[in-house]
Amino acid sequence: MKLKLVCAMVSFHLMALNAFGQMGTQKEALRGLSGFSVAVQSLSKTVMTDDQLRLKVELRMRRAGITVNECKPGATCLPQLYVKLVSIGMAGEFDVKYSLITVEFNNSVLSTTQPARRLIATVWLSDDSVLTLKNEYGPLGDKIDELIDGLANDYLAVNPKH
């Protein structure tokens, strides 16, 4: 069962990369923003809680000089950086865990067929996975930092600090 789930996650991961690889440059969608809120979802509370993940992401953004806007719990604030972490443990000869980290930037966009209607769209996406030993957390944290740094780099490329 777990093997099928891992295979499905890997397939989804590859499809998402292919779809967004065809979008062209994503960083242009970040141009002109003065900051954004952060939302997180850790589906692996034993690996990292929502609060730990949020703190890690917000601190990384602030250290890069990017404004992080506060958002009330339960509210959807746009623009928004959304980070999701999913980890699946696999027992065997070596106890390992497979983790998928998704970093997406969501914003409000206009519908081309209904101009008065606003929609939420993912305008920037990056994701990656890491396979680690069960109690090894360093490589997972490093991978999250790498993905967040990618967004920060694109954001600062189109919104340079003065």
N, C-alpha and C. Protein backbone atom coordinates (compact mmCIF):
# COMPACT_ATOMS: atom_id res chain seq x y z
N MET A 1 0.82 -1.20 0.00
CA MET A 1 0.00 0.00 0.00
C MET A 1 0.87 1.26 0.00
N LYS A 2 1.86 1.29 0.91
CA LYS A 2 2.71 2.46 0.98
C LYS A 2 3.52 2.63 -0.31
N LEU A 3 3.95 1.53 -0.91
CA LEU A 3 4.71 1.60 -2.15
C LEU A 3 3.86 2.22 -3.26
N LYS A 4 2.59 1.83 -3.32
CA LYS A 4 1.69 2.40 -4.33
C LYS A 4 1.51 3.90 -4.10
N LEU A 5 1.39 4.29 -2.84
CA LEU A 5 1.23 5.71 -2.51
C LEU A 5 2.47 6.50 -2.89
N VAL A 6 3.63 5.95 -2.62
CA VAL A 6 4.89 6.61 -2.99
C VAL A 6 4.98 6.74 -4.50
N CYS A 7 4.65 5.68 -5.22
CA CYS A 7 4.68 5.73 -6.69
C CYS A 7 3.72 6.79 -7.23
N ALA A 8 2.54 6.87 -6.63
CA ALA A 8 1.57 7.88 -7.05
C ALA A 8 2.10 9.28 -6.79
N MET A 9 2.74 9.49 -5.63
CA MET A 9 3.29 10.81 -5.30
C MET A 9 4.41 11.19 -6.27
N VAL A 10 5.26 10.22 -6.60
CA VAL A 10 6.36 10.50 -7.53
C VAL A 10 5.79 10.85 -8.90
N SER A 11 4.76 10.12 -9.34
CA SER A 11 4.13 10.41 -10.63
C SER A 11 3.53 11.81 -10.65
N PHE A 12 2.81 12.18 -9.57
CA PHE A 12 2.24 13.52 -9.47
C PHE A 12 3.33 14.57 -9.51
N HIS A 13 4.41 14.32 -8.79
CA HIS A 13 5.56 15.22 -8.74
C HIS A 13 6.11 15.47 -10.14
N LEU A 14 6.28 14.42 -10.92
CA LEU A 14 6.82 14.55 -12.27
C LEU A 14 5.83 15.27 -13.20
N MET A 15 4.53 15.00 -13.05
CA MET A 15 3.53 15.68 -13.88
C MET A 15 3.52 17.18 -13.57
N ALA A 16 3.61 17.54 -12.30
CA ALA A 16 3.60 18.95 -11.92
C ALA A 16 4.82 19.66 -12.48
N LEU A 17 5.97 19.02 -12.39
CA LEU A 17 7.19 19.64 -12.94
C LEU A 17 7.06 19.85 -14.44
N ASN A 18 6.51 18.88 -15.15
CA ASN A 18 6.34 18.99 -16.58
C ASN A 18 5.37 20.11 -16.93
N ALA A 19 4.26 20.20 -16.22
CA ALA A 19 3.26 21.23 -16.51
C ALA A 19 3.82 22.63 -16.28
N PHE A 20 4.51 22.84 -15.18
CA PHE A 20 5.03 24.16 -14.89
C PHE A 20 6.29 24.46 -15.69
N GLY A 21 6.96 23.45 -16.19
CA GLY A 21 8.10 23.68 -17.06
C GLY A 21 7.68 24.31 -18.38
N GLN A 22 6.42 24.12 -18.75
CA GLN A 22 5.89 24.67 -19.99
C GLN A 22 5.31 26.07 -19.81
N MET A 23 5.30 26.60 -18.59
CA MET A 23 4.68 27.90 -18.33
C MET A 23 5.56 29.08 -18.73
N GLY A 24 6.83 28.88 -18.96
CA GLY A 24 7.71 30.01 -19.20
C GLY A 24 8.23 30.52 -17.88
N THR A 25 8.61 31.77 -17.86
CA THR A 25 9.18 32.33 -16.63
C THR A 25 8.11 32.61 -15.59
N GLN A 26 8.31 32.05 -14.42
CA GLN A 26 7.35 32.24 -13.34
C GLN A 26 7.61 33.52 -12.56
N LYS A 27 8.85 33.97 -12.56
CA LYS A 27 9.18 35.09 -11.69
C LYS A 27 8.47 36.38 -12.09
N GLU A 28 8.07 36.53 -13.34
CA GLU A 28 7.36 37.73 -13.76
C GLU A 28 6.04 37.89 -13.00
N ALA A 29 5.45 36.78 -12.59
CA ALA A 29 4.19 36.83 -11.83
C ALA A 29 4.41 37.42 -10.44
N LEU A 30 5.66 37.52 -10.00
CA LEU A 30 5.98 38.07 -8.68
C LEU A 30 6.29 39.56 -8.72
N ARG A 31 6.40 40.12 -9.92
CA ARG A 31 6.77 41.53 -10.10
C ARG A 31 5.74 42.47 -9.48
N GLY A 32 6.24 43.49 -8.79
CA GLY A 32 5.39 44.54 -8.26
C GLY A 32 4.76 44.25 -6.90
N LEU A 33 5.05 43.10 -6.34
CA LEU A 33 4.48 42.77 -5.03
C LEU A 33 5.32 43.39 -3.93
N SER A 34 4.66 43.84 -2.89
CA SER A 34 5.39 44.46 -1.76
C SER A 34 5.51 43.51 -0.58
N GLY A 35 4.99 42.32 -0.71
CA GLY A 35 5.05 41.32 0.35
C GLY A 35 3.95 40.32 0.15
N PHE A 36 3.88 39.36 1.04
CA PHE A 36 2.86 38.32 0.93
C PHE A 36 2.71 37.61 2.26
N SER A 37 1.63 36.85 2.39
CA SER A 37 1.42 36.05 3.59
C SER A 37 1.98 34.65 3.37
N VAL A 38 2.12 33.92 4.45
CA VAL A 38 2.64 32.55 4.39
C VAL A 38 1.60 31.60 4.98
N ALA A 39 1.29 30.56 4.24
CA ALA A 39 0.42 29.49 4.73
C ALA A 39 1.17 28.18 4.57
N VAL A 40 1.03 27.31 5.55
CA VAL A 40 1.74 26.03 5.50
C VAL A 40 0.78 24.90 5.86
N GLN A 41 1.16 23.71 5.42
CA GLN A 41 0.42 22.52 5.80
C GLN A 41 1.41 21.37 5.87
N SER A 42 1.62 20.88 7.06
CA SER A 42 2.46 19.71 7.26
C SER A 42 1.55 18.53 7.51
N LEU A 43 1.54 17.60 6.59
CA LEU A 43 0.74 16.41 6.77
C LEU A 43 1.53 15.34 7.52
N SER A 44 2.66 15.77 8.06
CA SER A 44 3.58 14.87 8.76
C SER A 44 3.98 15.50 10.07
N LYS A 45 3.05 15.55 11.00
CA LYS A 45 3.28 16.27 12.27
C LYS A 45 4.44 15.70 13.08
N THR A 46 4.79 14.44 12.88
CA THR A 46 5.91 13.87 13.62
C THR A 46 7.24 14.30 13.02
N VAL A 47 7.23 14.76 11.79
CA VAL A 47 8.45 15.24 11.13
C VAL A 47 8.63 16.73 11.40
N MET A 48 7.56 17.51 11.19
CA MET A 48 7.59 18.95 11.40
C MET A 48 6.16 19.44 11.56
N THR A 49 5.89 20.18 12.62
CA THR A 49 4.54 20.70 12.83
C THR A 49 4.29 21.91 11.93
N ASP A 50 3.03 22.31 11.82
CA ASP A 50 2.69 23.50 11.04
C ASP A 50 3.45 24.73 11.57
N ASP A 51 3.48 24.88 12.89
CA ASP A 51 4.16 26.03 13.49
C ASP A 51 5.66 26.02 13.18
N GLN A 52 6.29 24.86 13.25
CA GLN A 52 7.72 24.76 12.94
C GLN A 52 7.98 25.10 11.48
N LEU A 53 7.14 24.59 10.59
CA LEU A 53 7.30 24.86 9.17
C LEU A 53 7.08 26.33 8.86
N ARG A 54 6.02 26.92 9.44
CA ARG A 54 5.74 28.35 9.22
C ARG A 54 6.91 29.21 9.71
N LEU A 55 7.40 28.93 10.89
CA LEU A 55 8.52 29.69 11.45
C LEU A 55 9.74 29.59 10.54
N LYS A 56 10.03 28.40 10.06
CA LYS A 56 11.19 28.19 9.17
C LYS A 56 11.05 29.02 7.89
N VAL A 57 9.87 28.98 7.29
CA VAL A 57 9.63 29.68 6.02
C VAL A 57 9.64 31.19 6.23
N GLU A 58 8.91 31.68 7.24
CA GLU A 58 8.85 33.12 7.48
C GLU A 58 10.23 33.69 7.82
N LEU A 59 10.97 32.99 8.63
CA LEU A 59 12.31 33.45 9.00
C LEU A 59 13.22 33.53 7.78
N ARG A 60 13.12 32.54 6.91
CA ARG A 60 13.94 32.52 5.69
C ARG A 60 13.59 33.72 4.80
N MET A 61 12.30 34.02 4.66
CA MET A 61 11.86 35.15 3.84
C MET A 61 12.33 36.48 4.44
N ARG A 62 12.15 36.63 5.74
CA ARG A 62 12.55 37.88 6.40
C ARG A 62 14.06 38.09 6.33
N ARG A 63 14.83 37.03 6.46
CA ARG A 63 16.29 37.15 6.35
C ARG A 63 16.71 37.58 4.95
N ALA A 64 15.89 37.25 3.96
CA ALA A 64 16.17 37.67 2.58
C ALA A 64 15.71 39.10 2.34
N GLY A 65 15.07 39.72 3.34
CA GLY A 65 14.60 41.10 3.20
C GLY A 65 13.23 41.22 2.58
N ILE A 66 12.46 40.16 2.60
CA ILE A 66 11.13 40.15 2.00
C ILE A 66 10.08 40.33 3.10
N THR A 67 9.13 41.21 2.86
CA THR A 67 8.07 41.48 3.82
C THR A 67 7.09 40.31 3.88
N VAL A 68 6.86 39.83 5.09
CA VAL A 68 5.87 38.77 5.31
C VAL A 68 4.69 39.41 6.02
N ASN A 69 3.53 39.37 5.38
CA ASN A 69 2.31 39.95 5.95
C ASN A 69 1.63 38.95 6.87
N GLU A 70 1.06 39.45 7.94
CA GLU A 70 0.32 38.60 8.87
C GLU A 70 -1.05 38.26 8.27
N CYS A 71 -1.53 37.08 8.58
CA CYS A 71 -2.84 36.64 8.12
C CYS A 71 -3.51 35.92 9.28
N LYS A 72 -4.77 36.25 9.54
CA LYS A 72 -5.49 35.61 10.65
C LYS A 72 -5.65 34.12 10.38
N PRO A 73 -5.53 33.30 11.41
CA PRO A 73 -5.71 31.85 11.23
C PRO A 73 -7.06 31.53 10.60
N GLY A 74 -7.04 30.65 9.62
CA GLY A 74 -8.26 30.25 8.94
C GLY A 74 -8.65 31.13 7.76
N ALA A 75 -8.01 32.30 7.64
CA ALA A 75 -8.32 33.22 6.53
C ALA A 75 -7.41 32.91 5.34
N THR A 76 -7.88 33.26 4.16
CA THR A 76 -7.06 33.16 2.96
C THR A 76 -6.63 34.57 2.58
N CYS A 77 -5.37 34.86 2.72
CA CYS A 77 -4.82 36.18 2.40
C CYS A 77 -3.96 36.06 1.15
N LEU A 78 -4.21 36.92 0.20
CA LEU A 78 -3.46 36.90 -1.06
C LEU A 78 -2.69 38.20 -1.22
N PRO A 79 -1.56 38.18 -1.87
CA PRO A 79 -0.84 37.01 -2.37
C PRO A 79 -0.33 36.14 -1.23
N GLN A 80 -0.06 34.88 -1.56
CA GLN A 80 0.25 33.91 -0.52
C GLN A 80 1.31 32.92 -0.97
N LEU A 81 2.28 32.71 -0.11
CA LEU A 81 3.25 31.63 -0.28
C LEU A 81 2.70 30.44 0.49
N TYR A 82 2.51 29.31 -0.19
CA TYR A 82 1.95 28.12 0.43
C TYR A 82 2.98 27.00 0.35
N VAL A 83 3.28 26.41 1.50
CA VAL A 83 4.26 25.33 1.57
C VAL A 83 3.59 24.11 2.17
N LYS A 84 3.71 22.98 1.47
CA LYS A 84 3.12 21.73 1.96
C LYS A 84 4.20 20.67 2.08
N LEU A 85 4.16 19.94 3.19
CA LEU A 85 5.11 18.87 3.46
C LEU A 85 4.35 17.58 3.70
N VAL A 86 4.72 16.55 2.94
CA VAL A 86 4.14 15.22 3.10
C VAL A 86 5.28 14.24 3.26
N SER A 87 5.27 13.46 4.32
CA SER A 87 6.29 12.44 4.54
C SER A 87 5.62 11.10 4.78
N ILE A 88 6.20 10.07 4.19
CA ILE A 88 5.69 8.71 4.35
C ILE A 88 6.84 7.83 4.82
N GLY A 89 6.64 7.18 5.95
CA GLY A 89 7.65 6.25 6.45
C GLY A 89 7.53 4.91 5.75
N MET A 90 8.68 4.30 5.49
CA MET A 90 8.71 2.99 4.85
C MET A 90 9.61 2.08 5.66
N ALA A 91 9.03 1.04 6.21
CA ALA A 91 9.79 0.09 7.02
C ALA A 91 10.38 -0.97 6.10
N GLY A 92 11.50 -1.45 6.49
CA GLY A 92 12.17 -2.49 5.72
C GLY A 92 13.53 -2.75 6.33
N GLU A 93 14.46 -3.14 5.48
CA GLU A 93 15.82 -3.37 5.97
C GLU A 93 16.38 -2.09 6.61
N PHE A 94 16.05 -0.97 5.99
CA PHE A 94 16.39 0.34 6.55
C PHE A 94 15.09 1.11 6.71
N ASP A 95 14.86 1.67 7.87
CA ASP A 95 13.67 2.50 8.06
C ASP A 95 13.94 3.86 7.44
N VAL A 96 13.21 4.18 6.38
CA VAL A 96 13.42 5.44 5.67
C VAL A 96 12.10 6.18 5.57
N LYS A 97 12.19 7.45 5.22
CA LYS A 97 10.98 8.22 4.95
C LYS A 97 11.19 8.97 3.63
N TYR A 98 10.12 9.02 2.87
CA TYR A 98 10.08 9.77 1.62
C TYR A 98 9.28 11.03 1.89
N SER A 99 9.86 12.19 1.61
CA SER A 99 9.18 13.46 1.86
C SER A 99 9.05 14.24 0.57
N LEU A 100 7.88 14.79 0.35
CA LEU A 100 7.61 15.66 -0.80
C LEU A 100 7.32 17.05 -0.27
N ILE A 101 8.06 18.03 -0.75
CA ILE A 101 7.87 19.42 -0.35
C ILE A 101 7.37 20.19 -1.57
N THR A 102 6.26 20.88 -1.42
CA THR A 102 5.71 21.70 -2.49
C THR A 102 5.69 23.15 -2.03
N VAL A 103 6.25 24.03 -2.85
CA VAL A 103 6.25 25.47 -2.57
C VAL A 103 5.52 26.13 -3.74
N GLU A 104 4.41 26.80 -3.43
CA GLU A 104 3.68 27.47 -4.50
C GLU A 104 3.32 28.88 -4.07
N PHE A 105 3.22 29.74 -5.04
CA PHE A 105 2.84 31.12 -4.79
C PHE A 105 1.49 31.34 -5.45
N ASN A 106 0.49 31.69 -4.64
CA ASN A 106 -0.88 31.87 -5.12
C ASN A 106 -1.24 33.35 -5.12
N ASN A 107 -1.99 33.76 -6.13
CA ASN A 107 -2.43 35.14 -6.20
C ASN A 107 -3.81 35.20 -6.84
N SER A 108 -4.43 36.33 -6.73
CA SER A 108 -5.73 36.56 -7.33
C SER A 108 -5.53 36.95 -8.79
N VAL A 109 -6.29 36.33 -9.67
CA VAL A 109 -6.19 36.64 -11.10
C VAL A 109 -7.59 36.88 -11.65
N LEU A 110 -7.66 37.55 -12.80
CA LEU A 110 -8.94 37.80 -13.46
C LEU A 110 -9.26 36.67 -14.41
N SER A 111 -10.53 36.33 -14.51
CA SER A 111 -10.99 35.34 -15.47
C SER A 111 -11.06 36.00 -16.84
N THR A 112 -10.55 35.35 -17.86
CA THR A 112 -10.60 35.94 -19.21
C THR A 112 -12.01 35.86 -19.80
N THR A 113 -12.80 34.89 -19.36
CA THR A 113 -14.15 34.77 -19.89
C THR A 113 -15.18 35.54 -19.07
N GLN A 114 -14.86 35.81 -17.80
CA GLN A 114 -15.75 36.58 -16.92
C GLN A 114 -14.90 37.61 -16.19
N PRO A 115 -14.61 38.76 -16.82
CA PRO A 115 -13.68 39.74 -16.26
C PRO A 115 -14.02 40.25 -14.86
N ALA A 116 -15.28 40.17 -14.46
CA ALA A 116 -15.65 40.64 -13.12
C ALA A 116 -15.34 39.59 -12.05
N ARG A 117 -15.00 38.40 -12.47
CA ARG A 117 -14.74 37.30 -11.54
C ARG A 117 -13.25 37.17 -11.26
N ARG A 118 -12.90 37.08 -9.98
CA ARG A 118 -11.51 36.89 -9.58
C ARG A 118 -11.32 35.45 -9.10
N LEU A 119 -10.20 34.86 -9.48
CA LEU A 119 -9.90 33.49 -9.12
C LEU A 119 -8.57 33.42 -8.39
N ILE A 120 -8.34 32.35 -7.67
CA ILE A 120 -7.04 32.11 -7.06
C ILE A 120 -6.27 31.17 -7.96
N ALA A 121 -5.05 31.56 -8.30
CA ALA A 121 -4.24 30.74 -9.19
C ALA A 121 -2.83 30.58 -8.63
N THR A 122 -2.23 29.44 -8.90
CA THR A 122 -0.83 29.22 -8.57
C THR A 122 -0.01 29.82 -9.71
N VAL A 123 0.81 30.83 -9.39
CA VAL A 123 1.57 31.53 -10.42
C VAL A 123 3.07 31.21 -10.36
N TRP A 124 3.48 30.50 -9.32
CA TRP A 124 4.88 30.08 -9.17
C TRP A 124 4.86 28.76 -8.42
N LEU A 125 5.61 27.78 -8.90
CA LEU A 125 5.61 26.47 -8.26
C LEU A 125 6.97 25.82 -8.34
N SER A 126 7.36 25.23 -7.25
CA SER A 126 8.56 24.40 -7.23
C SER A 126 8.33 23.30 -6.21
N ASP A 127 8.75 22.11 -6.53
CA ASP A 127 8.65 21.04 -5.55
C ASP A 127 9.80 20.07 -5.74
N ASP A 128 10.05 19.32 -4.71
CA ASP A 128 11.13 18.35 -4.75
C ASP A 128 10.87 17.31 -3.68
N SER A 129 11.61 16.25 -3.74
CA SER A 129 11.46 15.19 -2.76
C SER A 129 12.82 14.81 -2.21
N VAL A 130 12.78 14.18 -1.06
CA VAL A 130 14.01 13.73 -0.43
C VAL A 130 13.73 12.40 0.28
N LEU A 131 14.67 11.49 0.18
CA LEU A 131 14.59 10.20 0.83
C LEU A 131 15.65 10.18 1.93
N THR A 132 15.22 9.99 3.17
CA THR A 132 16.15 10.03 4.30
C THR A 132 15.90 8.86 5.24
N LEU A 133 16.85 8.64 6.11
CA LEU A 133 16.64 7.68 7.17
C LEU A 133 15.54 8.20 8.09
N LYS A 134 14.86 7.30 8.78
CA LYS A 134 13.67 7.64 9.56
C LYS A 134 13.87 8.83 10.50
N ASN A 135 14.96 8.87 11.24
CA ASN A 135 15.17 9.93 12.23
C ASN A 135 16.18 10.98 11.77
N GLU A 136 16.35 11.11 10.48
CA GLU A 136 17.29 12.09 9.92
C GLU A 136 16.50 13.28 9.38
N TYR A 137 16.72 14.47 9.97
CA TYR A 137 15.92 15.63 9.61
C TYR A 137 16.71 16.71 8.87
N GLY A 138 18.03 16.67 8.94
CA GLY A 138 18.86 17.69 8.30
C GLY A 138 18.63 17.84 6.80
N PRO A 139 18.68 16.73 6.03
CA PRO A 139 18.47 16.86 4.58
C PRO A 139 17.10 17.41 4.21
N LEU A 140 16.07 17.10 5.01
CA LEU A 140 14.73 17.63 4.75
C LEU A 140 14.71 19.14 4.96
N GLY A 141 15.28 19.60 6.06
CA GLY A 141 15.36 21.04 6.31
C GLY A 141 16.15 21.76 5.24
N ASP A 142 17.25 21.14 4.80
CA ASP A 142 18.06 21.74 3.73
C ASP A 142 17.28 21.85 2.43
N LYS A 143 16.48 20.85 2.11
CA LYS A 143 15.69 20.86 0.88
C LYS A 143 14.61 21.94 0.94
N ILE A 144 13.96 22.09 2.11
CA ILE A 144 12.98 23.16 2.27
C ILE A 144 13.65 24.51 2.07
N ASP A 145 14.80 24.71 2.71
CA ASP A 145 15.55 25.98 2.55
C ASP A 145 15.87 26.24 1.08
N GLU A 146 16.29 25.21 0.36
CA GLU A 146 16.65 25.35 -1.05
C GLU A 146 15.46 25.81 -1.88
N LEU A 147 14.30 25.23 -1.64
CA LEU A 147 13.10 25.61 -2.39
C LEU A 147 12.64 27.03 -2.05
N ILE A 148 12.70 27.38 -0.75
CA ILE A 148 12.32 28.73 -0.33
C ILE A 148 13.30 29.76 -0.90
N ASP A 149 14.58 29.42 -0.92
CA ASP A 149 15.58 30.32 -1.50
C ASP A 149 15.33 30.54 -2.98
N GLY A 150 14.84 29.52 -3.68
CA GLY A 150 14.50 29.67 -5.10
C GLY A 150 13.42 30.71 -5.32
N LEU A 151 12.39 30.66 -4.47
CA LEU A 151 11.32 31.67 -4.56
C LEU A 151 11.86 33.05 -4.19
N ALA A 152 12.63 33.13 -3.12
CA ALA A 152 13.18 34.42 -2.69
C ALA A 152 14.05 35.02 -3.79
N ASN A 153 14.83 34.18 -4.44
CA ASN A 153 15.70 34.66 -5.52
C ASN A 153 14.87 35.22 -6.68
N ASP A 154 13.83 34.51 -7.09
CA ASP A 154 12.97 34.99 -8.17
C ASP A 154 12.24 36.27 -7.76
N TYR A 155 11.75 36.32 -6.53
CA TYR A 155 11.04 37.50 -6.03
C TYR A 155 11.96 38.72 -6.05
N LEU A 156 13.18 38.56 -5.52
CA LEU A 156 14.11 39.69 -5.45
C LEU A 156 14.65 40.08 -6.82
N ALA A 157 14.66 39.15 -7.78
CA ALA A 157 15.12 39.47 -9.13
C ALA A 157 14.19 40.46 -9.80
N VAL A 158 12.87 40.38 -9.50
CA VAL A 158 11.91 41.28 -10.14
C VAL A 158 11.44 42.39 -9.20
N ASN A 159 11.84 42.32 -7.93
CA ASN A 159 11.52 43.35 -6.93
C ASN A 159 12.78 43.67 -6.14
N PRO A 160 13.77 44.28 -6.79
CA PRO A 160 15.03 44.53 -6.08
C PRO A 160 14.85 45.48 -4.90
N LYS A 161 15.63 45.21 -3.86
CA LYS A 161 15.59 46.10 -2.69
C LYS A 161 16.30 47.39 -3.05
N HIS A 162 15.80 48.50 -2.55
CA HIS A 162 16.39 49.81 -2.87
C HIS A 162 17.33 50.25 -1.79
